[in-house]
PDB file of N, CA and C in Angstrom:
ATOM      1  N   UNK A   1     147.217 185.867  41.959  1.00  0.00           N
ATOM      2  CA  UNK A   1     147.651 184.490  42.062  1.00  0.00           C
ATOM      3  C   UNK A   1     146.408 183.600  42.018  1.00  0.00           C
ATOM      4  N   UNK A   2     146.448 182.578  41.184  1.00  0.00           N
ATOM      5  CA  UNK A   2     145.288 181.707  41.035  1.00  0.00           C
ATOM      6  C   UNK A   2     145.472 180.353  41.699  1.00  0.00           C
ATOM      7  N   UNK A   3     146.709 179.868  41.827  1.00  0.00           N
ATOM      8  CA  UNK A   3     146.932 178.518  42.323  1.00  0.00           C
ATOM      9  C   UNK A   3     148.163 178.459  43.214  1.00  0.00           C
ATOM     10  N   UNK A   4     148.011 177.787  44.351  1.00  0.00           N
ATOM     11  CA  UNK A   4     149.144 177.511  45.238  1.00  0.00           C
ATOM     12  C   UNK A   4     149.148 176.016  45.513  1.00  0.00           C
ATOM     13  N   UNK A   5     150.248 175.367  45.141  1.00  0.00           N
ATOM     14  CA  UNK A   5     150.412 173.937  45.419  1.00  0.00           C
ATOM     15  C   UNK A   5     151.723 173.750  46.166  1.00  0.00           C
ATOM     16  N   UNK A   6     151.614 173.565  47.473  1.00  0.00           N
ATOM     17  CA  UNK A   6     152.774 173.321  48.325  1.00  0.00           C
ATOM     18  C   UNK A   6     152.683 171.929  48.950  1.00  0.00           C
ATOM     19  N   UNK A   7     152.061 171.020  48.227  1.00  0.00           N
ATOM     20  CA  UNK A   7     151.888 169.664  48.739  1.00  0.00           C
ATOM     21  C   UNK A   7     153.229 168.947  48.834  1.00  0.00           C
ATOM     22  N   UNK A   8     153.319 168.066  49.832  1.00  0.00           N
ATOM     23  CA  UNK A   8     154.482 167.194  50.012  1.00  0.00           C
ATOM     24  C   UNK A   8     155.787 167.984  50.118  1.00  0.00           C
ATOM     25  N   UNK A   9     155.772 169.000  50.988  1.00  0.00           N
ATOM     26  CA  UNK A   9     156.947 169.847  51.184  1.00  0.00           C
ATOM     27  C   UNK A   9     157.458 169.849  52.621  1.00  0.00           C
ATOM     28  N   UNK A  10     156.959 168.966  53.462  1.00  0.00           N
ATOM     29  CA  UNK A  10     157.370 168.882  54.867  1.00  0.00           C
ATOM     30  C   UNK A  10     157.143 170.204  55.613  1.00  0.00           C
ATOM     31  N   UNK A  11     156.111 170.935  55.219  1.00  0.00           N
ATOM     32  CA  UNK A  11     155.762 172.168  55.923  1.00  0.00           C
ATOM     33  C   UNK A  11     155.221 171.823  57.305  1.00  0.00           C
ATOM     34  N   UNK A  12     155.498 172.679  58.285  1.00  0.00           N
ATOM     35  CA  UNK A  12     154.987 172.441  59.635  1.00  0.00           C
ATOM     36  C   UNK A  12     154.448 173.751  60.193  1.00  0.00           C
ATOM     37  N   UNK A  13     153.734 173.638  61.296  1.00  0.00           N
ATOM     38  CA  UNK A  13     153.125 174.806  61.911  1.00  0.00           C
ATOM     39  C   UNK A  13     151.692 174.981  61.458  1.00  0.00           C
ATOM     40  N   UNK A  14     151.138 176.142  61.738  1.00  0.00           N
ATOM     41  CA  UNK A  14     149.750 176.444  61.398  1.00  0.00           C
ATOM     42  C   UNK A  14     149.597 176.753  59.913  1.00  0.00           C
ATOM     43  N   UNK A  15     148.380 176.584  59.422  1.00  0.00           N
ATOM     44  CA  UNK A  15     148.050 177.069  58.086  1.00  0.00           C
ATOM     45  C   UNK A  15     148.130 178.595  58.164  1.00  0.00           C
ATOM     46  N   UNK A  16     148.938 179.236  57.328  1.00  0.00           N
ATOM     47  CA  UNK A  16     149.072 180.699  57.417  1.00  0.00           C
ATOM     48  C   UNK A  16     147.739 181.403  57.179  1.00  0.00           C
ATOM     49  N   UNK A  17     147.306 182.182  58.146  1.00  0.00           N
ATOM     50  CA  UNK A  17     146.045 182.902  58.036  1.00  0.00           C
ATOM     51  C   UNK A  17     146.042 183.898  56.891  1.00  0.00           C
ATOM     52  N   UNK A  18     147.205 184.398  56.505  1.00  0.00           N
ATOM     53  CA  UNK A  18     147.304 185.358  55.416  1.00  0.00           C
ATOM     54  C   UNK A  18     146.860 184.807  54.077  1.00  0.00           C
ATOM     55  N   UNK A  19     146.825 183.491  53.957  1.00  0.00           N
ATOM     56  CA  UNK A  19     146.357 182.891  52.704  1.00  0.00           C
ATOM     57  C   UNK A  19     144.919 183.289  52.399  1.00  0.00           C
ATOM     58  N   UNK A  20     144.157 183.562  53.426  1.00  0.00           N
ATOM     59  CA  UNK A  20     142.748 183.898  53.211  1.00  0.00           C
ATOM     60  C   UNK A  20     142.570 185.307  52.641  1.00  0.00           C
ATOM     61  N   UNK A  21     143.655 186.066  52.525  1.00  0.00           N
ATOM     62  CA  UNK A  21     143.601 187.390  51.913  1.00  0.00           C
ATOM     63  C   UNK A  21     143.786 187.335  50.400  1.00  0.00           C
ATOM     64  N   UNK A  22     144.081 186.159  49.863  1.00  0.00           N
ATOM     65  CA  UNK A  22     144.308 186.007  48.423  1.00  0.00           C
ATOM     66  C   UNK A  22     142.963 185.794  47.741  1.00  0.00           C
ATOM     67  N   UNK A  23     142.253 186.876  47.530  1.00  0.00           N
ATOM     68  CA  UNK A  23     140.854 186.812  47.111  1.00  0.00           C
ATOM     69  C   UNK A  23     140.622 186.156  45.752  1.00  0.00           C
ATOM     70  N   UNK A  24     141.620 186.094  44.894  1.00  0.00           N
ATOM     71  CA  UNK A  24     141.427 185.477  43.577  1.00  0.00           C
ATOM     72  C   UNK A  24     141.930 184.038  43.520  1.00  0.00           C
ATOM     73  N   UNK A  25     142.323 183.493  44.645  1.00  0.00           N
ATOM     74  CA  UNK A  25     142.871 182.134  44.676  1.00  0.00           C
ATOM     75  C   UNK A  25     141.815 181.119  44.259  1.00  0.00           C
ATOM     76  N   UNK A  26     142.159 180.267  43.296  1.00  0.00           N
ATOM     77  CA  UNK A  26     141.243 179.238  42.813  1.00  0.00           C
ATOM     78  C   UNK A  26     141.580 177.858  43.326  1.00  0.00           C
ATOM     79  N   UNK A  27     142.874 177.600  43.593  1.00  0.00           N
ATOM     80  CA  UNK A  27     143.325 176.289  44.060  1.00  0.00           C
ATOM     81  C   UNK A  27     144.307 176.466  45.205  1.00  0.00           C
ATOM     82  N   UNK A  28     144.071 175.730  46.288  1.00  0.00           N
ATOM     83  CA  UNK A  28     145.003 175.700  47.417  1.00  0.00           C
ATOM     84  C   UNK A  28     145.230 174.252  47.797  1.00  0.00           C
ATOM     85  N   UNK A  29     146.466 173.793  47.611  1.00  0.00           N
ATOM     86  CA  UNK A  29     146.826 172.417  47.947  1.00  0.00           C
ATOM     87  C   UNK A  29     147.986 172.447  48.936  1.00  0.00           C
ATOM     88  N   UNK A  30     147.688 172.098  50.185  1.00  0.00           N
ATOM     89  CA  UNK A  30     148.688 172.007  51.248  1.00  0.00           C
ATOM     90  C   UNK A  30     148.764 170.580  51.783  1.00  0.00           C
ATOM     91  N   UNK A  31     148.368 169.623  50.986  1.00  0.00           N
ATOM     92  CA  UNK A  31     148.307 168.224  51.435  1.00  0.00           C
ATOM     93  C   UNK A  31     149.695 167.634  51.650  1.00  0.00           C
ATOM     94  N   UNK A  32     149.711 166.550  52.412  1.00  0.00           N
ATOM     95  CA  UNK A  32     150.912 165.748  52.675  1.00  0.00           C
ATOM     96  C   UNK A  32     152.034 166.614  53.251  1.00  0.00           C
ATOM     97  N   UNK A  33     151.712 167.293  54.331  1.00  0.00           N
ATOM     98  CA  UNK A  33     152.691 168.081  55.070  1.00  0.00           C
ATOM     99  C   UNK A  33     152.569 167.721  56.545  1.00  0.00           C
ATOM    100  N   UNK A  34     153.040 168.582  57.405  1.00  0.00           N
ATOM    101  CA  UNK A  34     152.970 168.361  58.857  1.00  0.00           C
ATOM    102  C   UNK A  34     152.287 169.555  59.518  1.00  0.00           C
ATOM    103  N   UNK A  35     151.276 170.080  58.852  1.00  0.00           N
ATOM    104  CA  UNK A  35     150.582 171.252  59.374  1.00  0.00           C
ATOM    105  C   UNK A  35     149.729 170.878  60.580  1.00  0.00           C
ATOM    106  N   UNK A  36     149.719 171.760  61.561  1.00  0.00           N
ATOM    107  CA  UNK A  36     148.966 171.547  62.798  1.00  0.00           C
ATOM    108  C   UNK A  36     148.052 172.749  63.012  1.00  0.00           C
ATOM    109  N   UNK A  37     147.332 172.738  64.101  1.00  0.00           N
ATOM    110  CA  UNK A  37     146.442 173.842  64.402  1.00  0.00           C
ATOM    111  C   UNK A  37     145.118 173.677  63.685  1.00  0.00           C
ATOM    112  N   UNK A  38     144.417 174.775  63.531  1.00  0.00           N
ATOM    113  CA  UNK A  38     143.065 174.748  62.985  1.00  0.00           C
ATOM    114  C   UNK A  38     143.034 175.315  61.572  1.00  0.00           C
ATOM    115  N   UNK A  39     142.008 174.941  60.836  1.00  0.00           N
ATOM    116  CA  UNK A  39     141.744 175.571  59.554  1.00  0.00           C
ATOM    117  C   UNK A  39     141.350 177.018  59.866  1.00  0.00           C
ATOM    118  N   UNK A  40     141.930 178.003  59.185  1.00  0.00           N
ATOM    119  CA  UNK A  40     141.589 179.406  59.498  1.00  0.00           C
ATOM    120  C   UNK A  40     140.084 179.662  59.460  1.00  0.00           C
ATOM    121  N   UNK A  41     139.586 180.334  60.486  1.00  0.00           N
ATOM    122  CA  UNK A  41     138.139 180.611  60.584  1.00  0.00           C
ATOM    123  C   UNK A  41     137.620 181.407  59.398  1.00  0.00           C
ATOM    124  N   UNK A  42     138.464 182.256  58.819  1.00  0.00           N
ATOM    125  CA  UNK A  42     138.020 183.109  57.721  1.00  0.00           C
ATOM    126  C   UNK A  42     138.310 182.496  56.344  1.00  0.00           C
ATOM    127  N   UNK A  43     138.422 181.182  56.283  1.00  0.00           N
ATOM    128  CA  UNK A  43     138.644 180.492  55.005  1.00  0.00           C
ATOM    129  C   UNK A  43     137.528 180.806  54.010  1.00  0.00           C
ATOM    130  N   UNK A  44     136.354 181.142  54.508  1.00  0.00           N
ATOM    131  CA  UNK A  44     135.232 181.478  53.644  1.00  0.00           C
ATOM    132  C   UNK A  44     135.436 182.743  52.831  1.00  0.00           C
ATOM    133  N   UNK A  45     136.472 183.522  53.137  1.00  0.00           N
ATOM    134  CA  UNK A  45     136.783 184.725  52.370  1.00  0.00           C
ATOM    135  C   UNK A  45     137.355 184.394  50.993  1.00  0.00           C
ATOM    136  N   UNK A  46     137.783 183.173  50.786  1.00  0.00           N
ATOM    137  CA  UNK A  46     138.353 182.763  49.495  1.00  0.00           C
ATOM    138  C   UNK A  46     137.207 182.443  48.531  1.00  0.00           C
ATOM    139  N   UNK A  47     136.465 183.453  48.167  1.00  0.00           N
ATOM    140  CA  UNK A  47     135.223 183.285  47.420  1.00  0.00           C
ATOM    141  C   UNK A  47     135.386 182.644  46.051  1.00  0.00           C
ATOM    142  N   UNK A  48     136.570 182.660  45.484  1.00  0.00           N
ATOM    143  CA  UNK A  48     136.777 182.056  44.164  1.00  0.00           C
ATOM    144  C   UNK A  48     137.423 180.679  44.236  1.00  0.00           C
ATOM    145  N   UNK A  49     137.599 180.166  45.436  1.00  0.00           N
ATOM    146  CA  UNK A  49     138.260 178.879  45.612  1.00  0.00           C
ATOM    147  C   UNK A  49     137.428 177.749  45.012  1.00  0.00           C
ATOM    148  N   UNK A  50     138.054 176.980  44.130  1.00  0.00           N
ATOM    149  CA  UNK A  50     137.409 175.832  43.505  1.00  0.00           C
ATOM    150  C   UNK A  50     137.948 174.515  44.042  1.00  0.00           C
ATOM    151  N   UNK A  51     139.220 174.502  44.444  1.00  0.00           N
ATOM    152  CA  UNK A  51     139.870 173.286  44.932  1.00  0.00           C
ATOM    153  C   UNK A  51     140.584 173.586  46.239  1.00  0.00           C
ATOM    154  N   UNK A  52     140.293 172.790  47.262  1.00  0.00           N
ATOM    155  CA  UNK A  52     140.960 172.910  48.556  1.00  0.00           C
ATOM    156  C   UNK A  52     141.358 171.523  49.017  1.00  0.00           C
ATOM    157  N   UNK A  53     142.652 171.296  49.173  1.00  0.00           N
ATOM    158  CA  UNK A  53     143.162 170.014  49.650  1.00  0.00           C
ATOM    159  C   UNK A  53     144.069 170.257  50.840  1.00  0.00           C
ATOM    160  N   UNK A  54     143.590 169.885  52.014  1.00  0.00           N
ATOM    161  CA  UNK A  54     144.355 169.985  53.255  1.00  0.00           C
ATOM    162  C   UNK A  54     144.599 168.598  53.847  1.00  0.00           C
ATOM    163  N   UNK A  55     144.454 167.576  53.043  1.00  0.00           N
ATOM    164  CA  UNK A  55     144.548 166.195  53.520  1.00  0.00           C
ATOM    165  C   UNK A  55     145.969 165.832  53.960  1.00  0.00           C
ATOM    166  N   UNK A  56     146.016 164.803  54.793  1.00  0.00           N
ATOM    167  CA  UNK A  56     147.261 164.199  55.253  1.00  0.00           C
ATOM    168  C   UNK A  56     148.174 165.187  55.967  1.00  0.00           C
ATOM    169  N   UNK A  57     147.574 165.877  56.945  1.00  0.00           N
ATOM    170  CA  UNK A  57     148.289 166.752  57.858  1.00  0.00           C
ATOM    171  C   UNK A  57     147.905 166.339  59.275  1.00  0.00           C
ATOM    172  N   UNK A  58     148.088 167.210  60.239  1.00  0.00           N
ATOM    173  CA  UNK A  58     147.633 166.959  61.605  1.00  0.00           C
ATOM    174  C   UNK A  58     146.742 168.096  62.086  1.00  0.00           C
ATOM    175  N   UNK A  59     145.897 168.587  61.191  1.00  0.00           N
ATOM    176  CA  UNK A  59     144.994 169.680  61.549  1.00  0.00           C
ATOM    177  C   UNK A  59     143.962 169.192  62.555  1.00  0.00           C
ATOM    178  N   UNK A  60     143.567 170.074  63.464  1.00  0.00           N
ATOM    179  CA  UNK A  60     142.618 169.693  64.515  1.00  0.00           C
ATOM    180  C   UNK A  60     141.541 170.760  64.630  1.00  0.00           C
ATOM    181  N   UNK A  61     140.568 170.463  65.480  1.00  0.00           N
ATOM    182  CA  UNK A  61     139.486 171.401  65.712  1.00  0.00           C
ATOM    183  C   UNK A  61     138.390 171.261  64.672  1.00  0.00           C
ATOM    184  N   UNK A  62     137.423 172.165  64.723  1.00  0.00           N
ATOM    185  CA  UNK A  62     136.266 172.059  63.834  1.00  0.00           C
ATOM    186  C   UNK A  62     136.563 172.555  62.419  1.00  0.00           C
ATOM    187  N   UNK A  63     135.723 172.115  61.491  1.00  0.00           N
ATOM    188  CA  UNK A  63     135.726 172.679  60.146  1.00  0.00           C
ATOM    189  C   UNK A  63     134.971 174.001  60.252  1.00  0.00           C
ATOM    190  N   UNK A  64     135.584 175.118  59.871  1.00  0.00           N
ATOM    191  CA  UNK A  64     134.907 176.406  60.024  1.00  0.00           C
ATOM    192  C   UNK A  64     133.588 176.473  59.258  1.00  0.00           C
ATOM    193  N   UNK A  65     132.567 177.019  59.892  1.00  0.00           N
ATOM    194  CA  UNK A  65     131.260 177.145  59.253  1.00  0.00           C
ATOM    195  C   UNK A  65     131.340 177.984  57.982  1.00  0.00           C
ATOM    196  N   UNK A  66     132.264 178.932  57.933  1.00  0.00           N
ATOM    197  CA  UNK A  66     132.424 179.787  56.772  1.00  0.00           C
ATOM    198  C   UNK A  66     132.794 179.027  55.510  1.00  0.00           C
ATOM    199  N   UNK A  67     133.270 177.803  55.664  1.00  0.00           N
ATOM    200  CA  UNK A  67     133.618 177.009  54.491  1.00  0.00           C
ATOM    201  C   UNK A  67     132.376 176.739  53.633  1.00  0.00           C
ATOM    202  N   UNK A  68     131.216 176.753  54.241  1.00  0.00           N
ATOM    203  CA  UNK A  68     129.968 176.527  53.503  1.00  0.00           C
ATOM    204  C   UNK A  68     129.664 177.666  52.530  1.00  0.00           C
ATOM    205  N   UNK A  69     130.333 178.803  52.684  1.00  0.00           N
ATOM    206  CA  UNK A  69     130.089 179.932  51.782  1.00  0.00           C
ATOM    207  C   UNK A  69     130.982 179.906  50.546  1.00  0.00           C
ATOM    208  N   UNK A  70     131.794 178.878  50.402  1.00  0.00           N
ATOM    209  CA  UNK A  70     132.663 178.751  49.220  1.00  0.00           C
ATOM    210  C   UNK A  70     131.843 178.169  48.074  1.00  0.00           C
ATOM    211  N   UNK A  71     131.106 179.024  47.389  1.00  0.00           N
ATOM    212  CA  UNK A  71     130.127 178.564  46.406  1.00  0.00           C
ATOM    213  C   UNK A  71     130.741 177.991  45.133  1.00  0.00           C
ATOM    214  N   UNK A  72     132.018 178.269  44.845  1.00  0.00           N
ATOM    215  CA  UNK A  72     132.661 177.716  43.650  1.00  0.00           C
ATOM    216  C   UNK A  72     133.390 176.406  43.938  1.00  0.00           C
ATOM    217  N   UNK A  73     133.454 176.011  45.197  1.00  0.00           N
ATOM    218  CA  UNK A  73     134.217 174.823  45.582  1.00  0.00           C
ATOM    219  C   UNK A  73     133.640 173.572  44.926  1.00  0.00           C
ATOM    220  N   UNK A  74     134.477 172.864  44.158  1.00  0.00           N
ATOM    221  CA  UNK A  74     134.023 171.618  43.535  1.00  0.00           C
ATOM    222  C   UNK A  74     134.928 170.437  43.868  1.00  0.00           C
ATOM    223  N   UNK A  75     136.033 170.691  44.565  1.00  0.00           N
ATOM    224  CA  UNK A  75     136.897 169.605  45.037  1.00  0.00           C
ATOM    225  C   UNK A  75     137.374 169.968  46.436  1.00  0.00           C
ATOM    226  N   UNK A  76     137.116 169.074  47.381  1.00  0.00           N
ATOM    227  CA  UNK A  76     137.508 169.274  48.770  1.00  0.00           C
ATOM    228  C   UNK A  76     138.061 167.975  49.313  1.00  0.00           C
ATOM    229  N   UNK A  77     139.229 168.055  49.960  1.00  0.00           N
ATOM    230  CA  UNK A  77     139.786 166.875  50.625  1.00  0.00           C
ATOM    231  C   UNK A  77     140.346 167.315  51.967  1.00  0.00           C
ATOM    232  N   UNK A  78     139.703 166.840  53.032  1.00  0.00           N
ATOM    233  CA  UNK A  78     140.137 167.112  54.406  1.00  0.00           C
ATOM    234  C   UNK A  78     140.522 165.817  55.123  1.00  0.00           C
ATOM    235  N   UNK A  79     140.696 164.753  54.380  1.00  0.00           N
ATOM    236  CA  UNK A  79     140.934 163.435  54.975  1.00  0.00           C
ATOM    237  C   UNK A  79     142.283 163.361  55.691  1.00  0.00           C
ATOM    238  N   UNK A  80     142.379 162.396  56.591  1.00  0.00           N
ATOM    239  CA  UNK A  80     143.629 162.081  57.294  1.00  0.00           C
ATOM    240  C   UNK A  80     144.169 163.256  58.100  1.00  0.00           C
ATOM    241  N   UNK A  81     143.306 163.803  58.956  1.00  0.00           N
ATOM    242  CA  UNK A  81     143.679 164.845  59.899  1.00  0.00           C
ATOM    243  C   UNK A  81     143.124 164.456  61.260  1.00  0.00           C
ATOM    244  N   UNK A  82     143.000 165.409  62.144  1.00  0.00           N
ATOM    245  CA  UNK A  82     142.415 165.184  63.470  1.00  0.00           C
ATOM    246  C   UNK A  82     141.264 166.152  63.700  1.00  0.00           C
ATOM    247  N   UNK A  83     140.481 166.401  62.655  1.00  0.00           N
ATOM    248  CA  UNK A  83     139.374 167.345  62.753  1.00  0.00           C
ATOM    249  C   UNK A  83     138.267 166.776  63.628  1.00  0.00           C
ATOM    250  N   UNK A  84     137.498 167.665  64.249  1.00  0.00           N
ATOM    251  CA  UNK A  84     136.462 167.212  65.181  1.00  0.00           C
ATOM    252  C   UNK A  84     135.222 168.091  65.051  1.00  0.00           C
ATOM    253  N   UNK A  85     134.135 167.615  65.645  1.00  0.00           N
ATOM    254  CA  UNK A  85     132.892 168.376  65.647  1.00  0.00           C
ATOM    255  C   UNK A  85     132.012 168.021  64.458  1.00  0.00           C
ATOM    256  N   UNK A  86     130.973 168.817  64.286  1.00  0.00           N
ATOM    257  CA  UNK A  86     130.011 168.579  63.205  1.00  0.00           C
ATOM    258  C   UNK A  86     130.546 169.110  61.880  1.00  0.00           C
ATOM    259  N   UNK A  87     130.235 168.391  60.828  1.00  0.00           N
ATOM    260  CA  UNK A  87     130.557 168.846  59.483  1.00  0.00           C
ATOM    261  C   UNK A  87     129.546 169.932  59.132  1.00  0.00           C
ATOM    262  N   UNK A  88     130.015 171.127  58.755  1.00  0.00           N
ATOM    263  CA  UNK A  88     129.071 172.194  58.409  1.00  0.00           C
ATOM    264  C   UNK A  88     128.175 171.794  57.246  1.00  0.00           C
ATOM    265  N   UNK A  89     126.973 172.334  57.249  1.00  0.00           N
ATOM    266  CA  UNK A  89     126.041 172.076  56.155  1.00  0.00           C
ATOM    267  C   UNK A  89     125.711 173.393  55.488  1.00  0.00           C
ATOM    268  N   UNK A  90     125.162 173.294  54.322  1.00  0.00           N
ATOM    269  CA  UNK A  90     124.737 174.487  53.603  1.00  0.00           C
ATOM    270  C   UNK A  90     125.538 174.711  52.344  1.00  0.00           C
ATOM    271  N   UNK A  91     124.875 175.338  51.395  1.00  0.00           N
ATOM    272  CA  UNK A  91     125.469 175.726  50.124  1.00  0.00           C
ATOM    273  C   UNK A  91     126.283 174.596  49.496  1.00  0.00           C
ATOM    274  N   UNK A  92     127.502 174.901  49.143  1.00  0.00           N
ATOM    275  CA  UNK A  92     128.320 173.982  48.359  1.00  0.00           C
ATOM    276  C   UNK A  92     128.682 172.709  49.121  1.00  0.00           C
ATOM    277  N   UNK A  93     128.820 172.779  50.411  1.00  0.00           N
ATOM    278  CA  UNK A  93     129.188 171.574  51.168  1.00  0.00           C
ATOM    279  C   UNK A  93     128.106 170.507  51.084  1.00  0.00           C
ATOM    280  N   UNK A  94     126.865 170.912  50.850  1.00  0.00           N
ATOM    281  CA  UNK A  94     125.790 169.943  50.664  1.00  0.00           C
ATOM    282  C   UNK A  94     126.021 169.112  49.400  1.00  0.00           C
ATOM    283  N   UNK A  95     126.557 169.742  48.367  1.00  0.00           N
ATOM    284  CA  UNK A  95     126.797 169.048  47.097  1.00  0.00           C
ATOM    285  C   UNK A  95     128.021 168.138  47.171  1.00  0.00           C
ATOM    286  N   UNK A  96     128.937 168.439  48.065  1.00  0.00           N
ATOM    287  CA  UNK A  96     130.160 167.637  48.214  1.00  0.00           C
ATOM    288  C   UNK A  96     129.916 166.590  49.291  1.00  0.00           C
ATOM    289  N   UNK A  97     129.194 165.537  48.937  1.00  0.00           N
ATOM    290  CA  UNK A  97     128.794 164.560  49.950  1.00  0.00           C
ATOM    291  C   UNK A  97     129.552 163.240  49.865  1.00  0.00           C
ATOM    292  N   UNK A  98     130.699 163.240  49.224  1.00  0.00           N
ATOM    293  CA  UNK A  98     131.528 162.043  49.142  1.00  0.00           C
ATOM    294  C   UNK A  98     132.192 161.807  50.510  1.00  0.00           C
ATOM    295  N   UNK A  99     131.910 160.701  51.177  1.00  0.00           N
ATOM    296  CA  UNK A  99     132.481 160.458  52.507  1.00  0.00           C
ATOM    297  C   UNK A  99     134.015 160.448  52.541  1.00  0.00           C
ATOM    298  N   UNK A 100     134.668 160.168  51.406  1.00  0.00           N
ATOM    299  CA  UNK A 100     136.136 160.133  51.405  1.00  0.00           C
ATOM    300  C   UNK A 100     136.743 161.511  51.673  1.00  0.00           C
ATOM    301  N   UNK A 101     135.975 162.570  51.481  1.00  0.00           N
ATOM    302  CA  UNK A 101     136.450 163.928  51.761  1.00  0.00           C
ATOM    303  C   UNK A 101     136.880 164.047  53.219  1.00  0.00           C
ATOM    304  N   UNK A 102     136.171 163.352  54.101  1.00  0.00           N
ATOM    305  CA  UNK A 102     136.369 163.485  55.544  1.00  0.00           C
ATOM    306  C   UNK A 102     136.998 162.238  56.193  1.00  0.00           C
ATOM    307  N   UNK A 103     137.420 161.277  55.397  1.00  0.00           N
ATOM    308  CA  UNK A 103     137.945 159.990  55.884  1.00  0.00           C
ATOM    309  C   UNK A 103     139.081 160.193  56.908  1.00  0.00           C
ATOM    310  N   UNK A 104     139.112 159.325  57.874  1.00  0.00           N
ATOM    311  CA  UNK A 104     140.158 159.284  58.907  1.00  0.00           C
ATOM    312  C   UNK A 104     140.264 160.571  59.720  1.00  0.00           C
ATOM    313  N   UNK A 105     139.108 161.086  60.071  1.00  0.00           N
ATOM    314  CA  UNK A 105     138.942 162.143  61.066  1.00  0.00           C
ATOM    315  C   UNK A 105     137.910 161.601  62.053  1.00  0.00           C
ATOM    316  N   UNK A 106     138.311 160.694  62.935  1.00  0.00           N
ATOM    317  CA  UNK A 106     137.331 159.946  63.726  1.00  0.00           C
ATOM    318  C   UNK A 106     136.438 160.794  64.633  1.00  0.00           C
ATOM    319  N   UNK A 107     136.819 162.007  64.950  1.00  0.00           N
ATOM    320  CA  UNK A 107     136.004 162.830  65.843  1.00  0.00           C
ATOM    321  C   UNK A 107     135.026 163.732  65.088  1.00  0.00           C
ATOM    322  N   UNK A 108     134.950 163.606  63.759  1.00  0.00           N
ATOM    323  CA  UNK A 108     133.947 164.355  62.999  1.00  0.00           C
ATOM    324  C   UNK A 108     132.606 163.658  63.081  1.00  0.00           C
ATOM    325  N   UNK A 109     131.539 164.433  63.022  1.00  0.00           N
ATOM    326  CA  UNK A 109     130.203 163.835  63.010  1.00  0.00           C
ATOM    327  C   UNK A 109     129.280 164.658  62.106  1.00  0.00           C
ATOM    328  N   UNK A 110     128.178 164.076  61.758  1.00  0.00           N
ATOM    329  CA  UNK A 110     127.224 164.728  60.883  1.00  0.00           C
ATOM    330  C   UNK A 110     127.336 164.190  59.470  1.00  0.00           C
ATOM    331  N   UNK A 111     126.577 164.775  58.543  1.00  0.00           N
ATOM    332  CA  UNK A 111     126.612 164.340  57.148  1.00  0.00           C
ATOM    333  C   UNK A 111     127.992 164.578  56.583  1.00  0.00           C
ATOM    334  N   UNK A 112     128.515 163.777  55.712  1.00  0.00           N
ATOM    335  CA  UNK A 112     127.986 162.502  55.260  1.00  0.00           C
ATOM    336  C   UNK A 112     128.517 161.323  56.067  1.00  0.00           C
ATOM    337  N   UNK A 113     129.216 161.570  57.152  1.00  0.00           N
ATOM    338  CA  UNK A 113     129.826 160.496  57.939  1.00  0.00           C
ATOM    339  C   UNK A 113     128.776 159.491  58.415  1.00  0.00           C
ATOM    340  N   UNK A 114     127.626 159.960  58.861  1.00  0.00           N
ATOM    341  CA  UNK A 114     126.621 159.055  59.403  1.00  0.00           C
ATOM    342  C   UNK A 114     125.635 158.562  58.353  1.00  0.00           C
ATOM    343  N   UNK A 115     125.836 158.956  57.095  1.00  0.00           N
ATOM    344  CA  UNK A 115     124.895 158.578  56.034  1.00  0.00           C
ATOM    345  C   UNK A 115     124.952 157.096  55.738  1.00  0.00           C
TER     346      UNK A 115
END
């Protein structure tokens, strides 16, 4: 499976941790739902992920440090959630420095929010 787009489907609950077992996944779009809980800690296992959109949910907690290991990631949107803590740095996340990626997560800190 290369692409999963379940955006705008009124999904609720946690982001299913089993999604991180889909090693060939290139696109994951779960935006505009009612997802809660945290981004799975092992999201970095999706080594071929190019697009990740988790925007417009109610996700909370930190952005997992493992997300920095997604070296193919070229589109990221985590806006409009309740994420908190420091934005991870390193690898691909350094190149994705558009502040709109993290918009409306008032408890996030670090680059590029303070830039």
